[in-house]
């Protein structure tokens, strides 16, 4: 999976998003501030299509309306506004049409400046984009690839807002817990990932290990121009990747792992290779 999957493009010309504090919105009237914000808002370099081609199958999504804009259009957001959600869904759906056995997870986990009418609009866009590819909520343990292929389903949507109850194709956010370390220290991050794996529910939910470091205000202040990638990600990714290599998938093991800048190391290939351990277990069992 990728963290803030949509953030490969953010619009410096748009107003600062409603996910930001009032003080930041005031500061952002200075054009240089938005340039700096961009360096810290962008967590991916690859488009949805490029991420899909690189093996990413879980997408972490934050969305917002644009306050003051007429209509109910919804955009991706991380400090600054990204592309329209509809355009992203179309790009993903094109890939799925070309690869009918691929399955993806879309996790809509943060919503800003949205009332119920915005949610209805977004949910209808999701339904329009994917139609019969959408997998209705079921027992997590039943949803195997075989199950998805037989039903010709390719998309699981996780929707962290109460309206999910009104649509069978929306899975509740509680089925996709993604504990967050909120640290700049790679050792604390790895300790947190270990602890949350131990606490992982044995049955009934998926689980996201967020292998990401989060800048503090002082981190940004000290390294304004360098940005997230050069300050936190480049230096620590090899250590994070080493942790990934030691993991085991399956019950009580890792399930979905997310990272920033997924193309900088062999992140996707390393995570995908963990599945071979499950095949080895099957062979030894038989």
C-alpha atoms as a PDB file:
ATOM      1  CA  UNK A   1       0.000   0.000   0.000  1.00  0.00           C
ATOM      2  CA  UNK A   2       0.931   3.653  -0.384  1.00  0.00           C
ATOM      3  CA  UNK A   3       0.431   6.406   2.214  1.00  0.00           C
ATOM      4  CA  UNK A   4      -1.516   9.481   1.043  1.00  0.00           C
ATOM      5  CA  UNK A   5      -1.606   7.675  -2.282  1.00  0.00           C
ATOM      6  CA  UNK A   6      -3.010  10.630  -4.270  1.00  0.00           C
ATOM      7  CA  UNK A   7      -0.428  13.229  -3.178  1.00  0.00           C
ATOM      8  CA  UNK A   8       1.833  12.911  -6.247  1.00  0.00           C
ATOM      9  CA  UNK A   9       0.178  16.110  -7.506  1.00  0.00           C
ATOM     10  CA  UNK A  10      -1.026  18.999  -5.368  1.00  0.00           C
ATOM     11  CA  UNK A  11      -2.140  22.394  -6.583  1.00  0.00           C
ATOM     12  CA  UNK A  12      -0.027  25.293  -5.307  1.00  0.00           C
ATOM     13  CA  UNK A  13      -2.517  27.711  -6.868  1.00  0.00           C
ATOM     14  CA  UNK A  14      -5.514  26.386  -4.934  1.00  0.00           C
ATOM     15  CA  UNK A  15      -6.438  27.653  -1.472  1.00  0.00           C
ATOM     16  CA  UNK A  16      -4.952  25.792   1.496  1.00  0.00           C
ATOM     17  CA  UNK A  17      -7.171  22.868   2.447  1.00  0.00           C
ATOM     18  CA  UNK A  18      -9.674  22.751   5.330  1.00  0.00           C
ATOM     19  CA  UNK A  19      -7.458  20.065   6.900  1.00  0.00           C
ATOM     20  CA  UNK A  20      -5.006  22.823   7.934  1.00  0.00           C
ATOM     21  CA  UNK A  21      -4.952  25.112  10.973  1.00  0.00           C
ATOM     22  CA  UNK A  22      -6.122  28.732  10.633  1.00  0.00           C
ATOM     23  CA  UNK A  23      -2.560  29.999  11.234  1.00  0.00           C
ATOM     24  CA  UNK A  24      -1.277  28.000   8.242  1.00  0.00           C
ATOM     25  CA  UNK A  25      -4.100  29.350   6.067  1.00  0.00           C
ATOM     26  CA  UNK A  26      -3.058  32.910   6.960  1.00  0.00           C
ATOM     27  CA  UNK A  27       0.621  32.224   6.301  1.00  0.00           C
ATOM     28  CA  UNK A  28      -0.189  30.586   2.964  1.00  0.00           C
ATOM     29  CA  UNK A  29      -1.131  33.967   1.528  1.00  0.00           C
ATOM     30  CA  UNK A  30       2.640  34.297   1.018  1.00  0.00           C
ATOM     31  CA  UNK A  31       3.386  32.358  -2.186  1.00  0.00           C
ATOM     32  CA  UNK A  32       6.663  30.874  -0.867  1.00  0.00           C
ATOM     33  CA  UNK A  33       4.720  29.210   1.976  1.00  0.00           C
ATOM     34  CA  UNK A  34       2.706  27.104  -0.483  1.00  0.00           C
ATOM     35  CA  UNK A  35       5.908  26.010  -2.227  1.00  0.00           C
ATOM     36  CA  UNK A  36       7.238  24.829   1.140  1.00  0.00           C
ATOM     37  CA  UNK A  37       3.890  23.177   1.976  1.00  0.00           C
ATOM     38  CA  UNK A  38       4.113  21.231  -1.257  1.00  0.00           C
ATOM     39  CA  UNK A  39       7.500  19.803  -0.242  1.00  0.00           C
ATOM     40  CA  UNK A  40       5.894  18.434   2.922  1.00  0.00           C
ATOM     41  CA  UNK A  41       2.472  17.491   1.468  1.00  0.00           C
ATOM     42  CA  UNK A  42       3.738  15.282  -1.350  1.00  0.00           C
ATOM     43  CA  UNK A  43       4.365  11.729  -0.083  1.00  0.00           C
ATOM     44  CA  UNK A  44       4.347   9.898  -3.445  1.00  0.00           C
ATOM     45  CA  UNK A  45       5.979  10.506  -6.824  1.00  0.00           C
ATOM     46  CA  UNK A  46       3.993   7.983  -8.872  1.00  0.00           C
ATOM     47  CA  UNK A  47       0.494   8.439 -10.319  1.00  0.00           C
ATOM     48  CA  UNK A  48      -2.248   5.907  -9.488  1.00  0.00           C
ATOM     49  CA  UNK A  49      -1.537   4.090 -12.764  1.00  0.00           C
ATOM     50  CA  UNK A  50       2.204   3.948 -12.061  1.00  0.00           C
ATOM     51  CA  UNK A  51       1.599   2.757  -8.496  1.00  0.00           C
ATOM     52  CA  UNK A  52      -0.735   0.029  -9.757  1.00  0.00           C
ATOM     53  CA  UNK A  53       1.825  -1.049 -12.349  1.00  0.00           C
ATOM     54  CA  UNK A  54       4.440  -1.141  -9.568  1.00  0.00           C
ATOM     55  CA  UNK A  55       2.362  -3.542  -7.448  1.00  0.00           C
ATOM     56  CA  UNK A  56       0.510  -1.191  -5.066  1.00  0.00           C
ATOM     57  CA  UNK A  57      -2.984  -2.510  -4.273  1.00  0.00           C
ATOM     58  CA  UNK A  58      -4.035  -0.537  -1.164  1.00  0.00           C
ATOM     59  CA  UNK A  59      -4.684   3.215  -1.464  1.00  0.00           C
ATOM     60  CA  UNK A  60      -4.911   5.559   1.517  1.00  0.00           C
ATOM     61  CA  UNK A  61      -7.290   8.422   0.605  1.00  0.00           C
ATOM     62  CA  UNK A  62      -8.183  11.797   2.176  1.00  0.00           C
ATOM     63  CA  UNK A  63     -10.870  13.838   0.472  1.00  0.00           C
ATOM     64  CA  UNK A  64     -12.529  17.241   0.738  1.00  0.00           C
ATOM     65  CA  UNK A  65     -14.945  19.609  -0.931  1.00  0.00           C
ATOM     66  CA  UNK A  66     -13.584  23.034  -1.915  1.00  0.00           C
ATOM     67  CA  UNK A  67     -15.259  25.539   0.394  1.00  0.00           C
ATOM     68  CA  UNK A  68     -16.782  28.356  -1.647  1.00  0.00           C
ATOM     69  CA  UNK A  69     -16.914  26.324  -4.870  1.00  0.00           C
ATOM     70  CA  UNK A  70     -20.345  25.878  -6.466  1.00  0.00           C
ATOM     71  CA  UNK A  71     -21.437  22.247  -6.752  1.00  0.00           C
ATOM     72  CA  UNK A  72     -20.353  19.214  -4.760  1.00  0.00           C
ATOM     73  CA  UNK A  73     -17.118  18.218  -6.480  1.00  0.00           C
ATOM     74  CA  UNK A  74     -14.775  16.263  -4.203  1.00  0.00           C
ATOM     75  CA  UNK A  75     -10.970  16.442  -4.362  1.00  0.00           C
ATOM     76  CA  UNK A  76      -8.090  14.563  -2.814  1.00  0.00           C
ATOM     77  CA  UNK A  77      -6.353  16.635  -0.152  1.00  0.00           C
ATOM     78  CA  UNK A  78      -3.178  16.733   1.920  1.00  0.00           C
ATOM     79  CA  UNK A  79      -2.554  20.312   3.006  1.00  0.00           C
ATOM     80  CA  UNK A  80      -3.160  21.411  -0.578  1.00  0.00           C
ATOM     81  CA  UNK A  81      -5.847  20.160  -2.965  1.00  0.00           C
ATOM     82  CA  UNK A  82      -5.022  17.316  -5.362  1.00  0.00           C
ATOM     83  CA  UNK A  83      -6.885  16.035  -8.408  1.00  0.00           C
ATOM     84  CA  UNK A  84     -10.653  15.440  -8.514  1.00  0.00           C
ATOM     85  CA  UNK A  85     -11.551  12.117  -6.899  1.00  0.00           C
ATOM     86  CA  UNK A  86     -13.537  11.182 -10.023  1.00  0.00           C
ATOM     87  CA  UNK A  87     -10.427  11.491 -12.222  1.00  0.00           C
ATOM     88  CA  UNK A  88      -8.488   9.226  -9.858  1.00  0.00           C
ATOM     89  CA  UNK A  89     -11.278   6.630  -9.805  1.00  0.00           C
ATOM     90  CA  UNK A  90     -11.391   6.615 -13.601  1.00  0.00           C
ATOM     91  CA  UNK A  91      -7.619   6.061 -13.813  1.00  0.00           C
ATOM     92  CA  UNK A  92      -7.874   3.123 -11.379  1.00  0.00           C
ATOM     93  CA  UNK A  93     -10.906   1.658 -13.171  1.00  0.00           C
ATOM     94  CA  UNK A  94      -9.080   1.712 -16.528  1.00  0.00           C
ATOM     95  CA  UNK A  95      -6.294  -0.397 -14.983  1.00  0.00           C
ATOM     96  CA  UNK A  96      -8.832  -2.835 -13.504  1.00  0.00           C
ATOM     97  CA  UNK A  97     -10.556  -3.187 -16.879  1.00  0.00           C
ATOM     98  CA  UNK A  98      -7.230  -4.202 -18.422  1.00  0.00           C
ATOM     99  CA  UNK A  99      -6.375  -6.584 -15.515  1.00  0.00           C
ATOM    100  CA  UNK A 100      -9.600  -8.402 -14.553  1.00  0.00           C
ATOM    101  CA  UNK A 101      -7.944 -10.598 -11.901  1.00  0.00           C
ATOM    102  CA  UNK A 102      -6.456  -7.708  -9.911  1.00  0.00           C
ATOM    103  CA  UNK A 103      -8.077  -6.658  -6.614  1.00  0.00           C
ATOM    104  CA  UNK A 104      -7.623  -3.282  -4.926  1.00  0.00           C
ATOM    105  CA  UNK A 105      -8.548  -1.670  -1.604  1.00  0.00           C
ATOM    106  CA  UNK A 106      -9.606   2.001  -1.502  1.00  0.00           C
ATOM    107  CA  UNK A 107      -9.575   3.360   2.055  1.00  0.00           C
ATOM    108  CA  UNK A 108     -11.474   6.669   2.364  1.00  0.00           C
ATOM    109  CA  UNK A 109     -10.384   7.518   5.892  1.00  0.00           C
ATOM    110  CA  UNK A 110     -10.378  11.320   6.224  1.00  0.00           C
ATOM    111  CA  UNK A 111     -13.134  13.691   5.091  1.00  0.00           C
ATOM    112  CA  UNK A 112     -13.008  17.496   5.259  1.00  0.00           C
ATOM    113  CA  UNK A 113     -15.647  20.189   4.637  1.00  0.00           C
ATOM    114  CA  UNK A 114     -18.215  17.521   3.715  1.00  0.00           C
ATOM    115  CA  UNK A 115     -21.837  17.249   4.825  1.00  0.00           C
ATOM    116  CA  UNK A 116     -24.136  14.319   4.018  1.00  0.00           C
ATOM    117  CA  UNK A 117     -24.971  15.719   0.578  1.00  0.00           C
ATOM    118  CA  UNK A 118     -21.256  15.694  -0.331  1.00  0.00           C
ATOM    119  CA  UNK A 119     -21.018  12.108   0.913  1.00  0.00           C
ATOM    120  CA  UNK A 120     -24.021  11.022  -1.163  1.00  0.00           C
ATOM    121  CA  UNK A 121     -22.406  12.671  -4.199  1.00  0.00           C
ATOM    122  CA  UNK A 122     -19.058  10.922  -3.582  1.00  0.00           C
ATOM    123  CA  UNK A 123     -20.636   7.520  -2.884  1.00  0.00           C
ATOM    124  CA  UNK A 124     -22.633   7.757  -6.119  1.00  0.00           C
ATOM    125  CA  UNK A 125     -19.422   8.627  -7.997  1.00  0.00           C
ATOM    126  CA  UNK A 126     -17.775   5.524  -6.539  1.00  0.00           C
ATOM    127  CA  UNK A 127     -20.735   3.398  -7.648  1.00  0.00           C
ATOM    128  CA  UNK A 128     -20.702   4.984 -11.138  1.00  0.00           C
ATOM    129  CA  UNK A 129     -16.955   4.394 -11.493  1.00  0.00           C
ATOM    130  CA  UNK A 130     -16.808   0.723 -10.502  1.00  0.00           C
ATOM    131  CA  UNK A 131     -20.351  -0.699 -10.786  1.00  0.00           C
ATOM    132  CA  UNK A 132     -20.356  -4.488 -10.556  1.00  0.00           C
ATOM    133  CA  UNK A 133     -16.627  -4.548  -9.679  1.00  0.00           C
ATOM    134  CA  UNK A 134     -17.556  -3.467  -6.125  1.00  0.00           C
ATOM    135  CA  UNK A 135     -17.425  -6.200  -3.493  1.00  0.00           C
ATOM    136  CA  UNK A 136     -20.204  -6.008  -0.882  1.00  0.00           C
ATOM    137  CA  UNK A 137     -19.337  -6.283   2.792  1.00  0.00           C
ATOM    138  CA  UNK A 138     -18.818  -9.881   3.850  1.00  0.00           C
ATOM    139  CA  UNK A 139     -16.932 -11.869   6.464  1.00  0.00           C
ATOM    140  CA  UNK A 140     -13.292 -10.848   5.947  1.00  0.00           C
ATOM    141  CA  UNK A 141     -12.123 -14.462   6.087  1.00  0.00           C
ATOM    142  CA  UNK A 142     -14.421 -15.398   3.183  1.00  0.00           C
ATOM    143  CA  UNK A 143     -12.979 -12.793   0.827  1.00  0.00           C
ATOM    144  CA  UNK A 144     -10.313 -14.804  -0.963  1.00  0.00           C
ATOM    145  CA  UNK A 145      -9.034 -14.119  -4.461  1.00  0.00           C
ATOM    146  CA  UNK A 146     -11.053 -17.123  -5.622  1.00  0.00           C
ATOM    147  CA  UNK A 147     -14.200 -15.557  -4.105  1.00  0.00           C
ATOM    148  CA  UNK A 148     -13.467 -12.240  -5.867  1.00  0.00           C
ATOM    149  CA  UNK A 149     -12.772 -13.891  -9.236  1.00  0.00           C
ATOM    150  CA  UNK A 150     -15.923 -16.012  -9.129  1.00  0.00           C
ATOM    151  CA  UNK A 151     -18.067 -12.931  -8.463  1.00  0.00           C
ATOM    152  CA  UNK A 152     -16.019 -10.759 -10.871  1.00  0.00           C
ATOM    153  CA  UNK A 153     -15.387  -8.270  -8.043  1.00  0.00           C
ATOM    154  CA  UNK A 154     -12.204  -6.180  -7.988  1.00  0.00           C
ATOM    155  CA  UNK A 155     -12.723  -3.326  -5.524  1.00  0.00           C
ATOM    156  CA  UNK A 156     -13.204  -3.137  -1.745  1.00  0.00           C
ATOM    157  CA  UNK A 157     -14.162   0.344  -0.506  1.00  0.00           C
ATOM    158  CA  UNK A 158     -13.586   1.254   3.157  1.00  0.00           C
ATOM    159  CA  UNK A 159     -15.586   4.302   4.213  1.00  0.00           C
ATOM    160  CA  UNK A 160     -14.926   5.878   7.608  1.00  0.00           C
ATOM    161  CA  UNK A 161     -18.241   7.716   7.921  1.00  0.00           C
ATOM    162  CA  UNK A 162     -21.620   6.457   9.288  1.00  0.00           C
ATOM    163  CA  UNK A 163     -23.341   6.557   5.866  1.00  0.00           C
ATOM    164  CA  UNK A 164     -21.503   3.325   4.978  1.00  0.00           C
ATOM    165  CA  UNK A 165     -24.433   1.547   6.681  1.00  0.00           C
ATOM    166  CA  UNK A 166     -26.764   2.539   3.844  1.00  0.00           C
ATOM    167  CA  UNK A 167     -24.704   0.940   1.051  1.00  0.00           C
ATOM    168  CA  UNK A 168     -23.812  -2.764   0.909  1.00  0.00           C
ATOM    169  CA  UNK A 169     -20.686  -2.011  -1.177  1.00  0.00           C
ATOM    170  CA  UNK A 170     -19.149   0.174   1.549  1.00  0.00           C
ATOM    171  CA  UNK A 171     -17.111  -1.554   4.238  1.00  0.00           C
ATOM    172  CA  UNK A 172     -16.901   0.166   7.646  1.00  0.00           C
ATOM    173  CA  UNK A 173     -13.604   1.827   8.577  1.00  0.00           C
ATOM    174  CA  UNK A 174     -13.452  -0.494  11.599  1.00  0.00           C
ATOM    175  CA  UNK A 175     -12.680  -3.358   9.185  1.00  0.00           C
ATOM    176  CA  UNK A 176      -9.439  -1.582   8.182  1.00  0.00           C
ATOM    177  CA  UNK A 177      -7.625  -0.451  11.367  1.00  0.00           C
ATOM    178  CA  UNK A 178      -4.432   1.476  10.579  1.00  0.00           C
ATOM    179  CA  UNK A 179      -2.674   2.439  13.831  1.00  0.00           C
ATOM    180  CA  UNK A 180      -0.358   5.425  13.412  1.00  0.00           C
ATOM    181  CA  UNK A 181       2.966   5.853  15.227  1.00  0.00           C
ATOM    182  CA  UNK A 182       3.141   9.663  14.777  1.00  0.00           C
ATOM    183  CA  UNK A 183       6.914   9.808  15.296  1.00  0.00           C
ATOM    184  CA  UNK A 184      10.030  11.071  13.512  1.00  0.00           C
ATOM    185  CA  UNK A 185      12.173   8.388  15.177  1.00  0.00           C
ATOM    186  CA  UNK A 186      12.651   5.239  13.096  1.00  0.00           C
ATOM    187  CA  UNK A 187      13.410   3.066  16.179  1.00  0.00           C
ATOM    188  CA  UNK A 188      10.178   4.180  17.866  1.00  0.00           C
ATOM    189  CA  UNK A 189       8.305   3.509  14.609  1.00  0.00           C
ATOM    190  CA  UNK A 190       9.592  -0.063  14.355  1.00  0.00           C
ATOM    191  CA  UNK A 191       8.800  -0.704  18.025  1.00  0.00           C
ATOM    192  CA  UNK A 192       5.262   0.638  17.435  1.00  0.00           C
ATOM    193  CA  UNK A 193       4.793  -1.589  14.367  1.00  0.00           C
ATOM    194  CA  UNK A 194       5.843  -4.648  16.406  1.00  0.00           C
ATOM    195  CA  UNK A 195       3.503  -3.752  19.296  1.00  0.00           C
ATOM    196  CA  UNK A 196       0.472  -3.108  17.086  1.00  0.00           C
ATOM    197  CA  UNK A 197       1.010  -6.387  15.252  1.00  0.00           C
ATOM    198  CA  UNK A 198       0.883  -8.178  18.624  1.00  0.00           C
ATOM    199  CA  UNK A 199      -2.394  -6.377  19.359  1.00  0.00           C
ATOM    200  CA  UNK A 200      -3.872  -7.131  15.947  1.00  0.00           C
ATOM    201  CA  UNK A 201      -7.322  -8.712  15.970  1.00  0.00           C
ATOM    202  CA  UNK A 202      -7.034 -12.411  15.160  1.00  0.00           C
ATOM    203  CA  UNK A 203     -10.219 -12.520  13.038  1.00  0.00           C
ATOM    204  CA  UNK A 204     -12.689 -10.246  11.313  1.00  0.00           C
ATOM    205  CA  UNK A 205     -10.598  -7.286  10.138  1.00  0.00           C
ATOM    206  CA  UNK A 206      -7.830  -6.375   7.760  1.00  0.00           C
ATOM    207  CA  UNK A 207      -4.831  -4.536   9.256  1.00  0.00           C
ATOM    208  CA  UNK A 208      -2.534  -1.763   8.017  1.00  0.00           C
ATOM    209  CA  UNK A 209       1.044  -1.376   9.249  1.00  0.00           C
ATOM    210  CA  UNK A 210       1.868   2.268   8.486  1.00  0.00           C
ATOM    211  CA  UNK A 211       5.634   2.159   7.972  1.00  0.00           C
ATOM    212  CA  UNK A 212       5.863   5.951   7.814  1.00  0.00           C
ATOM    213  CA  UNK A 213       7.550   8.724   9.770  1.00  0.00           C
ATOM    214  CA  UNK A 214       5.569  11.883  10.512  1.00  0.00           C
ATOM    215  CA  UNK A 215       7.243  15.307  10.635  1.00  0.00           C
ATOM    216  CA  UNK A 216       6.644  17.529  13.653  1.00  0.00           C
ATOM    217  CA  UNK A 217       6.276  21.306  13.330  1.00  0.00           C
ATOM    218  CA  UNK A 218       9.883  21.730  14.498  1.00  0.00           C
ATOM    219  CA  UNK A 219      11.068  19.125  11.926  1.00  0.00           C
ATOM    220  CA  UNK A 220       9.486  21.227   9.187  1.00  0.00           C
ATOM    221  CA  UNK A 221      10.857  24.480  10.689  1.00  0.00           C
ATOM    222  CA  UNK A 222      14.412  23.102  10.798  1.00  0.00           C
ATOM    223  CA  UNK A 223      14.353  21.625   7.291  1.00  0.00           C
ATOM    224  CA  UNK A 224      11.925  23.939   5.499  1.00  0.00           C
ATOM    225  CA  UNK A 225      13.403  23.743   2.032  1.00  0.00           C
ATOM    226  CA  UNK A 226      14.521  20.098   2.105  1.00  0.00           C
ATOM    227  CA  UNK A 227      11.005  18.677   2.404  1.00  0.00           C
ATOM    228  CA  UNK A 228       9.740  15.319   3.643  1.00  0.00           C
ATOM    229  CA  UNK A 229      11.580  13.067   1.207  1.00  0.00           C
ATOM    230  CA  UNK A 230      15.044  14.499   1.837  1.00  0.00           C
ATOM    231  CA  UNK A 231      14.599  14.987   5.587  1.00  0.00           C
ATOM    232  CA  UNK A 232      12.893  11.815   6.822  1.00  0.00           C
ATOM    233  CA  UNK A 233      12.256   9.325   4.052  1.00  0.00           C
ATOM    234  CA  UNK A 234      15.544   8.826   2.159  1.00  0.00           C
ATOM    235  CA  UNK A 235      17.570   8.341   5.328  1.00  0.00           C
ATOM    236  CA  UNK A 236      15.221   5.891   7.067  1.00  0.00           C
ATOM    237  CA  UNK A 237      13.650   3.831   4.264  1.00  0.00           C
ATOM    238  CA  UNK A 238      16.449   1.200   4.181  1.00  0.00           C
ATOM    239  CA  UNK A 239      15.912   0.476   7.900  1.00  0.00           C
ATOM    240  CA  UNK A 240      12.128   0.309   7.422  1.00  0.00           C
ATOM    241  CA  UNK A 241      12.623  -2.051   4.482  1.00  0.00           C
ATOM    242  CA  UNK A 242      14.840  -4.300   6.605  1.00  0.00           C
ATOM    243  CA  UNK A 243      11.978  -4.578   9.120  1.00  0.00           C
ATOM    244  CA  UNK A 244       9.578  -5.508   6.293  1.00  0.00           C
ATOM    245  CA  UNK A 245      11.945  -8.281   5.134  1.00  0.00           C
ATOM    246  CA  UNK A 246      11.796  -9.945   8.569  1.00  0.00           C
ATOM    247  CA  UNK A 247       7.977 -10.078   8.676  1.00  0.00           C
ATOM    248  CA  UNK A 248       5.632 -12.963   8.077  1.00  0.00           C
ATOM    249  CA  UNK A 249       2.137 -12.569   6.576  1.00  0.00           C
ATOM    250  CA  UNK A 250      -0.999 -14.344   7.716  1.00  0.00           C
ATOM    251  CA  UNK A 251      -2.866 -14.575  11.030  1.00  0.00           C
ATOM    252  CA  UNK A 252      -1.086 -12.417  13.651  1.00  0.00           C
ATOM    253  CA  UNK A 253       1.466 -11.381  11.039  1.00  0.00           C
ATOM    254  CA  UNK A 254       1.541  -8.437   8.644  1.00  0.00           C
ATOM    255  CA  UNK A 255      -1.382  -7.871   6.295  1.00  0.00           C
ATOM    256  CA  UNK A 256      -1.091  -4.529   4.442  1.00  0.00           C
ATOM    257  CA  UNK A 257       2.040  -2.379   4.746  1.00  0.00           C
ATOM    258  CA  UNK A 258       2.103   1.261   3.590  1.00  0.00           C
ATOM    259  CA  UNK A 259       5.040   3.538   2.866  1.00  0.00           C
ATOM    260  CA  UNK A 260       5.877   6.975   1.507  1.00  0.00           C
ATOM    261  CA  UNK A 261       7.589   7.251  -1.905  1.00  0.00           C
ATOM    262  CA  UNK A 262       7.030   3.585  -2.681  1.00  0.00           C
ATOM    263  CA  UNK A 263       9.398   3.596  -5.667  1.00  0.00           C
ATOM    264  CA  UNK A 264      12.537   4.742  -3.784  1.00  0.00           C
ATOM    265  CA  UNK A 265      13.451   1.206  -2.687  1.00  0.00           C
ATOM    266  CA  UNK A 266      12.137  -2.226  -3.672  1.00  0.00           C
ATOM    267  CA  UNK A 267       9.206  -1.672  -1.317  1.00  0.00           C
ATOM    268  CA  UNK A 268       6.368  -3.257  -3.304  1.00  0.00           C
ATOM    269  CA  UNK A 269       8.499  -6.181  -4.513  1.00  0.00           C
ATOM    270  CA  UNK A 270       9.694  -6.845  -0.936  1.00  0.00           C
ATOM    271  CA  UNK A 271       6.163  -6.832   0.490  1.00  0.00           C
ATOM    272  CA  UNK A 272       4.810  -8.997  -2.339  1.00  0.00           C
ATOM    273  CA  UNK A 273       7.650 -11.517  -1.832  1.00  0.00           C
ATOM    274  CA  UNK A 274       6.436 -12.107   1.754  1.00  0.00           C
ATOM    275  CA  UNK A 275       3.494 -14.013   0.239  1.00  0.00           C
ATOM    276  CA  UNK A 276       5.932 -16.759  -0.788  1.00  0.00           C
ATOM    277  CA  UNK A 277       6.213 -17.601   2.927  1.00  0.00           C
ATOM    278  CA  UNK A 278       2.500 -18.481   2.926  1.00  0.00           C
ATOM    279  CA  UNK A 279       3.041 -20.825  -0.032  1.00  0.00           C
ATOM    280  CA  UNK A 280       5.919 -22.495   1.840  1.00  0.00           C
ATOM    281  CA  UNK A 281       3.615 -22.997   4.854  1.00  0.00           C
ATOM    282  CA  UNK A 282       0.981 -24.584   2.600  1.00  0.00           C
ATOM    283  CA  UNK A 283       3.526 -26.935   1.085  1.00  0.00           C
ATOM    284  CA  UNK A 284       4.899 -27.994   4.464  1.00  0.00           C
ATOM    285  CA  UNK A 285       1.322 -28.563   5.712  1.00  0.00           C
ATOM    286  CA  UNK A 286       0.566 -30.898   2.808  1.00  0.00           C
END
